[in-house]
Every structure is written in structure tokens, then in C-alpha cells.
Amino acid sequence: MNVRHKFQKNWRQNTFIKWLFYNSIVFMVTLAICMIAFFIAFRIIEKEITKAHTASLNQVRQIIDDQLKKTGELYKDVNVTPRIREIMWYAG
């Protein structure tokens, strides 16, 4: 009876260790897959945010360039108009 009791106890411990080992492998594989998916998603989100910010900055640059162009045209118009030039020379 004593040998049988030792065998059952040893078998239970072996079974527990096997289950623990297999479950830890499953957990590690799942964790690795989740980490890979997280890093891939992080890179995709980072690229999309960078692309959106670049588009916004290009729009701002275009607006500022247009305003500067209009300011330059206004300066040329003011400088060329004789009546305004007379007022500028008279005031100065």
C-alpha cells in the first residue's frame, strides 16, 4: 500500500508539473503574439499620426504662403499707384 501511495503522489506531482509547463508555454506564446500585435499597431498608429500632422503643417504652410503672396501683391499695388505714392512722399 505504501508503494502505491508513493506512486499516486509522484504521478500527481508529475501531472501537475506537466500541466504547469504546458500552460506556461501557452501563456508565453499568447503573450509573445500580443506583444508583436501591440508593436505593429503602435507603428501603424505612429505613421498615421505623422501623416496627419504633415498634412496639417502643409496646409498651414500653404495658407501662410498665400497670405505672404497677397501682402507682396498689395505692396506692389501701393507702390505703383501714383496717388498713394504722392501721399507717402508728402507725409514723409
PDB file of N, CA and C in Angstrom:
ATOM      1  N   MET A   1       0.820  -1.184   0.000  1.00  0.00           N
ATOM      2  CA  MET A   1       0.000   0.000   0.000  1.00  0.00           C
ATOM      3  C   MET A   1       0.868   1.254   0.000  1.00  0.00           C
ATOM      4  N   ASN A   2       1.963   1.167   0.661  1.00  0.00           N
ATOM      5  CA  ASN A   2       2.845   2.310   0.756  1.00  0.00           C
ATOM      6  C   ASN A   2       3.459   2.653  -0.602  1.00  0.00           C
ATOM      7  N   VAL A   3       3.814   1.649  -1.388  1.00  0.00           N
ATOM      8  CA  VAL A   3       4.385   1.866  -2.710  1.00  0.00           C
ATOM      9  C   VAL A   3       3.345   2.491  -3.630  1.00  0.00           C
ATOM     10  N   ARG A   4       2.127   1.994  -3.526  1.00  0.00           N
ATOM     11  CA  ARG A   4       1.049   2.529  -4.360  1.00  0.00           C
ATOM     12  C   ARG A   4       0.764   3.990  -3.994  1.00  0.00           C
ATOM     13  N   HIS A   5       0.787   4.307  -2.751  1.00  0.00           N
ATOM     14  CA  HIS A   5       0.550   5.668  -2.303  1.00  0.00           C
ATOM     15  C   HIS A   5       1.655   6.600  -2.826  1.00  0.00           C
ATOM     16  N   LYS A   6       2.914   6.145  -2.788  1.00  0.00           N
ATOM     17  CA  LYS A   6       4.019   6.932  -3.321  1.00  0.00           C
ATOM     18  C   LYS A   6       3.869   7.123  -4.824  1.00  0.00           C
ATOM     19  N   PHE A   7       3.441   6.078  -5.520  1.00  0.00           N
ATOM     20  CA  PHE A   7       3.265   6.157  -6.966  1.00  0.00           C
ATOM     21  C   PHE A   7       2.184   7.168  -7.323  1.00  0.00           C
ATOM     22  N   GLN A   8       1.068   7.142  -6.593  1.00  0.00           N
ATOM     23  CA  GLN A   8      -0.007   8.094  -6.864  1.00  0.00           C
ATOM     24  C   GLN A   8       0.445   9.521  -6.574  1.00  0.00           C
ATOM     25  N   LYS A   9       1.164   9.685  -5.492  1.00  0.00           N
ATOM     26  CA  LYS A   9       1.637  11.016  -5.140  1.00  0.00           C
ATOM     27  C   LYS A   9       2.627  11.511  -6.198  1.00  0.00           C
ATOM     28  N   ASN A  10       3.534  10.653  -6.608  1.00  0.00           N
ATOM     29  CA  ASN A  10       4.509  11.006  -7.632  1.00  0.00           C
ATOM     30  C   ASN A  10       3.815  11.307  -8.955  1.00  0.00           C
ATOM     31  N   TRP A  11       2.817  10.513  -9.305  1.00  0.00           N
ATOM     32  CA  TRP A  11       2.068  10.705 -10.549  1.00  0.00           C
ATOM     33  C   TRP A  11       1.321  12.035 -10.526  1.00  0.00           C
ATOM     34  N   ARG A  12       0.728  12.378  -9.382  1.00  0.00           N
ATOM     35  CA  ARG A  12       0.013  13.649  -9.261  1.00  0.00           C
ATOM     36  C   ARG A  12       0.984  14.823  -9.393  1.00  0.00           C
ATOM     37  N   GLN A  13       2.137  14.707  -8.786  1.00  0.00           N
ATOM     38  CA  GLN A  13       3.125  15.780  -8.890  1.00  0.00           C
ATOM     39  C   GLN A  13       3.623  15.913 -10.329  1.00  0.00           C
ATOM     40  N   ASN A  14       3.848  14.774 -10.973  1.00  0.00           N
ATOM     41  CA  ASN A  14       4.268  14.795 -12.370  1.00  0.00           C
ATOM     42  C   ASN A  14       3.205  15.437 -13.246  1.00  0.00           C
ATOM     43  N   THR A  15       1.962  15.076 -13.025  1.00  0.00           N
ATOM     44  CA  THR A  15       0.865  15.638 -13.807  1.00  0.00           C
ATOM     45  C   THR A  15       0.771  17.141 -13.587  1.00  0.00           C
ATOM     46  N   PHE A  16       0.907  17.560 -12.340  1.00  0.00           N
ATOM     47  CA  PHE A  16       0.852  18.992 -12.045  1.00  0.00           C
ATOM     48  C   PHE A  16       1.983  19.737 -12.748  1.00  0.00           C
ATOM     49  N   ILE A  17       3.177  19.171 -12.711  1.00  0.00           N
ATOM     50  CA  ILE A  17       4.323  19.822 -13.355  1.00  0.00           C
ATOM     51  C   ILE A  17       4.124  19.883 -14.865  1.00  0.00           C
ATOM     52  N   LYS A  18       3.611  18.802 -15.453  1.00  0.00           N
ATOM     53  CA  LYS A  18       3.348  18.807 -16.894  1.00  0.00           C
ATOM     54  C   LYS A  18       2.308  19.864 -17.258  1.00  0.00           C
ATOM     55  N   TRP A  19       1.220  19.900 -16.505  1.00  0.00           N
ATOM     56  CA  TRP A  19       0.174  20.896 -16.770  1.00  0.00           C
ATOM     57  C   TRP A  19       0.719  22.310 -16.600  1.00  0.00           C
ATOM     58  N   LEU A  20       1.503  22.510 -15.565  1.00  0.00           N
ATOM     59  CA  LEU A  20       2.105  23.819 -15.327  1.00  0.00           C
ATOM     60  C   LEU A  20       3.022  24.201 -16.485  1.00  0.00           C
ATOM     61  N   PHE A  21       3.820  23.262 -16.948  1.00  0.00           N
ATOM     62  CA  PHE A  21       4.736  23.513 -18.059  1.00  0.00           C
ATOM     63  C   PHE A  21       3.971  23.850 -19.340  1.00  0.00           C
ATOM     64  N   TYR A  22       2.979  23.048 -19.693  1.00  0.00           N
ATOM     65  CA  TYR A  22       2.219  23.292 -20.917  1.00  0.00           C
ATOM     66  C   TYR A  22       1.425  24.596 -20.848  1.00  0.00           C
ATOM     67  N   ASN A  23       0.849  24.867 -19.710  1.00  0.00           N
ATOM     68  CA  ASN A  23       0.100  26.121 -19.572  1.00  0.00           C
ATOM     69  C   ASN A  23       1.024  27.330 -19.624  1.00  0.00           C
ATOM     70  N   SER A  24       2.217  27.194 -19.070  1.00  0.00           N
ATOM     71  CA  SER A  24       3.159  28.316 -19.151  1.00  0.00           C
ATOM     72  C   SER A  24       3.621  28.533 -20.589  1.00  0.00           C
ATOM     73  N   ILE A  25       3.779  27.461 -21.350  1.00  0.00           N
ATOM     74  CA  ILE A  25       4.132  27.597 -22.769  1.00  0.00           C
ATOM     75  C   ILE A  25       3.010  28.307 -23.524  1.00  0.00           C
ATOM     76  N   VAL A  26       1.780  27.892 -23.290  1.00  0.00           N
ATOM     77  CA  VAL A  26       0.641  28.538 -23.947  1.00  0.00           C
ATOM     78  C   VAL A  26       0.585  30.016 -23.566  1.00  0.00           C
ATOM     79  N   PHE A  27       0.808  30.316 -22.299  1.00  0.00           N
ATOM     80  CA  PHE A  27       0.796  31.703 -21.841  1.00  0.00           C
ATOM     81  C   PHE A  27       1.901  32.513 -22.513  1.00  0.00           C
ATOM     82  N   MET A  28       3.103  31.950 -22.602  1.00  0.00           N
ATOM     83  CA  MET A  28       4.226  32.663 -23.219  1.00  0.00           C
ATOM     84  C   MET A  28       3.978  32.919 -24.704  1.00  0.00           C
ATOM     85  N   VAL A  29       3.449  31.931 -25.409  1.00  0.00           N
ATOM     86  CA  VAL A  29       3.153  32.110 -26.833  1.00  0.00           C
ATOM     87  C   VAL A  29       2.088  33.188 -27.013  1.00  0.00           C
ATOM     88  N   THR A  30       1.044  33.137 -26.202  1.00  0.00           N
ATOM     89  CA  THR A  30      -0.008  34.148 -26.277  1.00  0.00           C
ATOM     90  C   THR A  30       0.546  35.529 -25.966  1.00  0.00           C
ATOM     91  N   LEU A  31       1.377  35.623 -24.960  1.00  0.00           N
ATOM     92  CA  LEU A  31       1.986  36.899 -24.591  1.00  0.00           C
ATOM     93  C   LEU A  31       2.870  37.427 -25.717  1.00  0.00           C
ATOM     94  N   ALA A  32       3.641  36.550 -26.347  1.00  0.00           N
ATOM     95  CA  ALA A  32       4.503  36.966 -27.457  1.00  0.00           C
ATOM     96  C   ALA A  32       3.673  37.475 -28.631  1.00  0.00           C
ATOM     97  N   ILE A  33       2.595  36.772 -28.960  1.00  0.00           N
ATOM     98  CA  ILE A  33       1.723  37.204 -30.057  1.00  0.00           C
ATOM     99  C   ILE A  33       1.102  38.559 -29.742  1.00  0.00           C
ATOM    100  N   CYS A  34       0.660  38.746 -28.514  1.00  0.00           N
ATOM    101  CA  CYS A  34       0.063  40.033 -28.117  1.00  0.00           C
ATOM    102  C   CYS A  34       1.084  41.161 -28.183  1.00  0.00           C
ATOM    103  N   MET A  35       2.306  40.895 -27.763  1.00  0.00           N
ATOM    104  CA  MET A  35       3.341  41.928 -27.818  1.00  0.00           C
ATOM    105  C   MET A  35       3.665  42.303 -29.256  1.00  0.00           C
ATOM    106  N   ILE A  36       3.760  41.313 -30.127  1.00  0.00           N
ATOM    107  CA  ILE A  36       4.026  41.590 -31.541  1.00  0.00           C
ATOM    108  C   ILE A  36       2.885  42.401 -32.139  1.00  0.00           C
ATOM    109  N   ALA A  37       1.656  42.014 -31.851  1.00  0.00           N
ATOM    110  CA  ALA A  37       0.500  42.759 -32.361  1.00  0.00           C
ATOM    111  C   ALA A  37       0.486  44.186 -31.825  1.00  0.00           C
ATOM    112  N   PHE A  38       0.842  44.370 -30.566  1.00  0.00           N
ATOM    113  CA  PHE A  38       0.888  45.709 -29.972  1.00  0.00           C
ATOM    114  C   PHE A  38       1.910  46.583 -30.686  1.00  0.00           C
ATOM    115  N   PHE A  39       3.112  46.059 -30.919  1.00  0.00           N
ATOM    116  CA  PHE A  39       4.141  46.858 -31.569  1.00  0.00           C
ATOM    117  C   PHE A  39       3.785  47.172 -33.018  1.00  0.00           C
ATOM    118  N   ILE A  40       3.156  46.237 -33.716  1.00  0.00           N
ATOM    119  CA  ILE A  40       2.716  46.509 -35.083  1.00  0.00           C
ATOM    120  C   ILE A  40       1.650  47.596 -35.085  1.00  0.00           C
ATOM    121  N   ALA A  41       0.680  47.487 -34.194  1.00  0.00           N
ATOM    122  CA  ALA A  41      -0.372  48.508 -34.102  1.00  0.00           C
ATOM    123  C   ALA A  41       0.221  49.860 -33.713  1.00  0.00           C
ATOM    124  N   PHE A  42       1.189  49.868 -32.807  1.00  0.00           N
ATOM    125  CA  PHE A  42       1.831  51.117 -32.389  1.00  0.00           C
ATOM    126  C   PHE A  42       2.514  51.792 -33.567  1.00  0.00           C
ATOM    127  N   ARG A  43       3.223  51.030 -34.378  1.00  0.00           N
ATOM    128  CA  ARG A  43       3.898  51.603 -35.552  1.00  0.00           C
ATOM    129  C   ARG A  43       2.893  52.142 -36.557  1.00  0.00           C
ATOM    130  N   ILE A  44       1.808  51.413 -36.787  1.00  0.00           N
ATOM    131  CA  ILE A  44       0.792  51.879 -37.734  1.00  0.00           C
ATOM    132  C   ILE A  44       0.174  53.182 -37.247  1.00  0.00           C
ATOM    133  N   ILE A  45      -0.163  53.245 -35.976  1.00  0.00           N
ATOM    134  CA  ILE A  45      -0.758  54.465 -35.416  1.00  0.00           C
ATOM    135  C   ILE A  45       0.235  55.619 -35.491  1.00  0.00           C
ATOM    136  N   GLU A  46       1.490  55.340 -35.198  1.00  0.00           N
ATOM    137  CA  GLU A  46       2.513  56.387 -35.258  1.00  0.00           C
ATOM    138  C   GLU A  46       2.647  56.936 -36.680  1.00  0.00           C
ATOM    139  N   LYS A  47       2.639  56.056 -37.680  1.00  0.00           N
ATOM    140  CA  LYS A  47       2.725  56.504 -39.075  1.00  0.00           C
ATOM    141  C   LYS A  47       1.517  57.343 -39.465  1.00  0.00           C
ATOM    142  N   GLU A  48       0.326  56.928 -39.046  1.00  0.00           N
ATOM    143  CA  GLU A  48      -0.884  57.676 -39.383  1.00  0.00           C
ATOM    144  C   GLU A  48      -0.892  59.053 -38.725  1.00  0.00           C
ATOM    145  N   ILE A  49      -0.451  59.125 -37.482  1.00  0.00           N
ATOM    146  CA  ILE A  49      -0.387  60.418 -36.793  1.00  0.00           C
ATOM    147  C   ILE A  49       0.630  61.327 -37.474  1.00  0.00           C
ATOM    148  N   THR A  50       1.776  60.779 -37.836  1.00  0.00           N
ATOM    149  CA  THR A  50       2.791  61.572 -38.527  1.00  0.00           C
ATOM    150  C   THR A  50       2.265  62.076 -39.863  1.00  0.00           C
ATOM    151  N   LYS A  51       1.551  61.208 -40.577  1.00  0.00           N
ATOM    152  CA  LYS A  51       0.991  61.611 -41.864  1.00  0.00           C
ATOM    153  C   LYS A  51      -0.046  62.720 -41.693  1.00  0.00           C
ATOM    154  N   ALA A  52      -0.888  62.613 -40.674  1.00  0.00           N
ATOM    155  CA  ALA A  52      -1.905  63.640 -40.420  1.00  0.00           C
ATOM    156  C   ALA A  52      -1.255  64.964 -40.025  1.00  0.00           C
ATOM    157  N   HIS A  53      -0.226  64.909 -39.181  1.00  0.00           N
ATOM    158  CA  HIS A  53       0.460  66.140 -38.774  1.00  0.00           C
ATOM    159  C   HIS A  53       1.170  66.786 -39.958  1.00  0.00           C
ATOM    160  N   THR A  54       1.764  65.980 -40.815  1.00  0.00           N
ATOM    161  CA  THR A  54       2.423  66.517 -42.001  1.00  0.00           C
ATOM    162  C   THR A  54       1.418  67.207 -42.910  1.00  0.00           C
ATOM    163  N   ALA A  55       0.258  66.599 -43.089  1.00  0.00           N
ATOM    164  CA  ALA A  55      -0.780  67.217 -43.920  1.00  0.00           C
ATOM    165  C   ALA A  55      -1.243  68.538 -43.312  1.00  0.00           C
ATOM    166  N   SER A  56      -1.416  68.582 -41.999  1.00  0.00           N
ATOM    167  CA  SER A  56      -1.827  69.823 -41.329  1.00  0.00           C
ATOM    168  C   SER A  56      -0.763  70.904 -41.487  1.00  0.00           C
ATOM    169  N   LEU A  57       0.490  70.535 -41.312  1.00  0.00           N
ATOM    170  CA  LEU A  57       1.567  71.514 -41.470  1.00  0.00           C
ATOM    171  C   LEU A  57       1.666  72.018 -42.902  1.00  0.00           C
ATOM    172  N   ASN A  58       1.434  71.148 -43.869  1.00  0.00           N
ATOM    173  CA  ASN A  58       1.436  71.586 -45.266  1.00  0.00           C
ATOM    174  C   ASN A  58       0.304  72.566 -45.537  1.00  0.00           C
ATOM    175  N   GLN A  59      -0.861  72.331 -44.945  1.00  0.00           N
ATOM    176  CA  GLN A  59      -1.971  73.266 -45.109  1.00  0.00           C
ATOM    177  C   GLN A  59      -1.641  74.619 -44.493  1.00  0.00           C
ATOM    178  N   VAL A  60      -1.065  74.618 -43.309  1.00  0.00           N
ATOM    179  CA  VAL A  60      -0.681  75.881 -42.660  1.00  0.00           C
ATOM    180  C   VAL A  60       0.363  76.610 -43.497  1.00  0.00           C
ATOM    181  N   ARG A  61       1.341  75.873 -44.001  1.00  0.00           N
ATOM    182  CA  ARG A  61       2.359  76.490 -44.851  1.00  0.00           C
ATOM    183  C   ARG A  61       1.742  77.106 -46.097  1.00  0.00           C
ATOM    184  N   GLN A  62       0.790  76.402 -46.706  1.00  0.00           N
ATOM    185  CA  GLN A  62       0.128  76.915 -47.907  1.00  0.00           C
ATOM    186  C   GLN A  62      -0.646  78.192 -47.589  1.00  0.00           C
ATOM    187  N   ILE A  63      -1.350  78.218 -46.466  1.00  0.00           N
ATOM    188  CA  ILE A  63      -2.116  79.408 -46.073  1.00  0.00           C
ATOM    189  C   ILE A  63      -1.176  80.587 -45.832  1.00  0.00           C
ATOM    190  N   ILE A  64      -0.084  80.352 -45.117  1.00  0.00           N
ATOM    191  CA  ILE A  64       0.867  81.435 -44.841  1.00  0.00           C
ATOM    192  C   ILE A  64       1.520  81.919 -46.129  1.00  0.00           C
ATOM    193  N   ASP A  65       1.883  81.000 -47.013  1.00  0.00           N
ATOM    194  CA  ASP A  65       2.464  81.399 -48.299  1.00  0.00           C
ATOM    195  C   ASP A  65       1.485  82.248 -49.102  1.00  0.00           C
ATOM    196  N   ASP A  66       0.218  81.864 -49.118  1.00  0.00           N
ATOM    197  CA  ASP A  66      -0.794  82.651 -49.834  1.00  0.00           C
ATOM    198  C   ASP A  66      -0.941  84.045 -49.236  1.00  0.00           C
ATOM    199  N   GLN A  67      -0.944  84.125 -47.906  1.00  0.00           N
ATOM    200  CA  GLN A  67      -1.070  85.435 -47.251  1.00  0.00           C
ATOM    201  C   GLN A  67       0.150  86.312 -47.547  1.00  0.00           C
ATOM    202  N   LEU A  68       1.332  85.724 -47.534  1.00  0.00           N
ATOM    203  CA  LEU A  68       2.535  86.492 -47.856  1.00  0.00           C
ATOM    204  C   LEU A  68       2.531  86.944 -49.313  1.00  0.00           C
ATOM    205  N   LYS A  69       2.028  86.098 -50.182  1.00  0.00           N
ATOM    206  CA  LYS A  69       1.928  86.466 -51.596  1.00  0.00           C
ATOM    207  C   LYS A  69       0.956  87.629 -51.771  1.00  0.00           C
ATOM    208  N   LYS A  70      -0.194  87.573 -51.077  1.00  0.00           N
ATOM    209  CA  LYS A  70      -1.158  88.673 -51.146  1.00  0.00           C
ATOM    210  C   LYS A  70      -0.558  89.955 -50.586  1.00  0.00           C
ATOM    211  N   THR A  71       0.216  89.842 -49.505  1.00  0.00           N
ATOM    212  CA  THR A  71       0.863  91.013 -48.916  1.00  0.00           C
ATOM    213  C   THR A  71       1.864  91.619 -49.898  1.00  0.00           C
ATOM    214  N   GLY A  72       2.617  90.776 -50.584  1.00  0.00           N
ATOM    215  CA  GLY A  72       3.564  91.259 -51.595  1.00  0.00           C
ATOM    216  C   GLY A  72       2.854  91.945 -52.749  1.00  0.00           C
ATOM    217  N   GLU A  73       1.744  91.372 -53.189  1.00  0.00           N
ATOM    218  CA  GLU A  73       0.970  91.991 -54.271  1.00  0.00           C
ATOM    219  C   GLU A  73       0.392  93.331 -53.824  1.00  0.00           C
ATOM    220  N   LEU A  74      -0.086  93.392 -52.594  1.00  0.00           N
ATOM    221  CA  LEU A  74      -0.615  94.647 -52.056  1.00  0.00           C
ATOM    222  C   LEU A  74       0.486  95.703 -51.981  1.00  0.00           C
ATOM    223  N   TYR A  75       1.669  95.303 -51.582  1.00  0.00           N
ATOM    224  CA  TYR A  75       2.796  96.234 -51.527  1.00  0.00           C
ATOM    225  C   TYR A  75       3.108  96.773 -52.921  1.00  0.00           C
ATOM    226  N   LYS A  76       3.119  95.883 -53.912  1.00  0.00           N
ATOM    227  CA  LYS A  76       3.380  96.326 -55.284  1.00  0.00           C
ATOM    228  C   LYS A  76       2.295  97.282 -55.761  1.00  0.00           C
ATOM    229  N   ASP A  77       1.030  96.967 -55.459  1.00  0.00           N
ATOM    230  CA  ASP A  77      -0.073  97.845 -55.862  1.00  0.00           C
ATOM    231  C   ASP A  77       0.054  99.220 -55.214  1.00  0.00           C
ATOM    232  N   VAL A  78       0.379  99.240 -53.948  1.00  0.00           N
ATOM    233  CA  VAL A  78       0.522 100.513 -53.232  1.00  0.00           C
ATOM    234  C   VAL A  78       1.715 101.288 -53.784  1.00  0.00           C
ATOM    235  N   ASN A  79       2.777 100.611 -54.079  1.00  0.00           N
ATOM    236  CA  ASN A  79       3.986 101.258 -54.561  1.00  0.00           C
ATOM    237  C   ASN A  79       3.804 101.801 -55.971  1.00  0.00           C
ATOM    238  N   VAL A  80       3.003 101.152 -56.797  1.00  0.00           N
ATOM    239  CA  VAL A  80       2.828 101.547 -58.189  1.00  0.00           C
ATOM    240  C   VAL A  80       1.788 102.659 -58.336  1.00  0.00           C
ATOM    241  N   THR A  81       0.787 102.709 -57.501  1.00  0.00           N
ATOM    242  CA  THR A  81      -0.294 103.683 -57.632  1.00  0.00           C
ATOM    243  C   THR A  81       0.255 105.095 -57.378  1.00  0.00           C
ATOM    244  N   PRO A  82       0.113 106.007 -58.377  1.00  0.00           N
ATOM    245  CA  PRO A  82       0.704 107.342 -58.231  1.00  0.00           C
ATOM    246  C   PRO A  82       0.091 108.156 -57.095  1.00  0.00           C
ATOM    247  N   ARG A  83      -1.202 108.083 -56.910  1.00  0.00           N
ATOM    248  CA  ARG A  83      -1.869 108.875 -55.867  1.00  0.00           C
ATOM    249  C   ARG A  83      -1.344 108.469 -54.484  1.00  0.00           C
ATOM    250  N   ILE A  84      -1.214 107.197 -54.247  1.00  0.00           N
ATOM    251  CA  ILE A  84      -0.725 106.719 -52.947  1.00  0.00           C
ATOM    252  C   ILE A  84       0.743 107.099 -52.780  1.00  0.00           C
ATOM    253  N   ARG A  85       1.513 107.046 -53.862  1.00  0.00           N
ATOM    254  CA  ARG A  85       2.921 107.422 -53.787  1.00  0.00           C
ATOM    255  C   ARG A  85       3.074 108.905 -53.425  1.00  0.00           C
ATOM    256  N   GLU A  86       2.191 109.725 -53.984  1.00  0.00           N
ATOM    257  CA  GLU A  86       2.224 111.155 -53.644  1.00  0.00           C
ATOM    258  C   GLU A  86       1.940 111.366 -52.162  1.00  0.00           C
ATOM    259  N   ILE A  87       0.942 110.637 -51.636  1.00  0.00           N
ATOM    260  CA  ILE A  87       0.603 110.773 -50.220  1.00  0.00           C
ATOM    261  C   ILE A  87       1.777 110.314 -49.358  1.00  0.00           C
ATOM    262  N   MET A  88       2.444 109.225 -49.766  1.00  0.00           N
ATOM    263  CA  MET A  88       3.580 108.727 -48.993  1.00  0.00           C
ATOM    264  C   MET A  88       4.720 109.747 -48.989  1.00  0.00           C
ATOM    265  N   TRP A  89       4.994 110.367 -50.135  1.00  0.00           N
ATOM    266  CA  TRP A  89       6.095 111.332 -50.204  1.00  0.00           C
ATOM    267  C   TRP A  89       5.736 112.614 -49.479  1.00  0.00           C
ATOM    268  N   TYR A  90       4.462 112.959 -49.525  1.00  0.00           N
ATOM    269  CA  TYR A  90       4.028 114.185 -48.852  1.00  0.00           C
ATOM    270  C   TYR A  90       4.105 114.025 -47.337  1.00  0.00           C
ATOM    271  N   ALA A  91       3.682 112.823 -46.863  1.00  0.00           N
ATOM    272  CA  ALA A  91       3.678 112.581 -45.421  1.00  0.00           C
ATOM    273  C   ALA A  91       5.096 112.425 -44.904  1.00  0.00           C
ATOM    274  N   GLY A  92       5.990 111.921 -45.709  1.00  0.00           N
ATOM    275  CA  GLY A  92       7.323 111.634 -45.238  1.00  0.00           C
ATOM    276  C   GLY A  92       8.196 112.796 -45.374  1.00  0.00           C
TER     277      GLY A  92
END
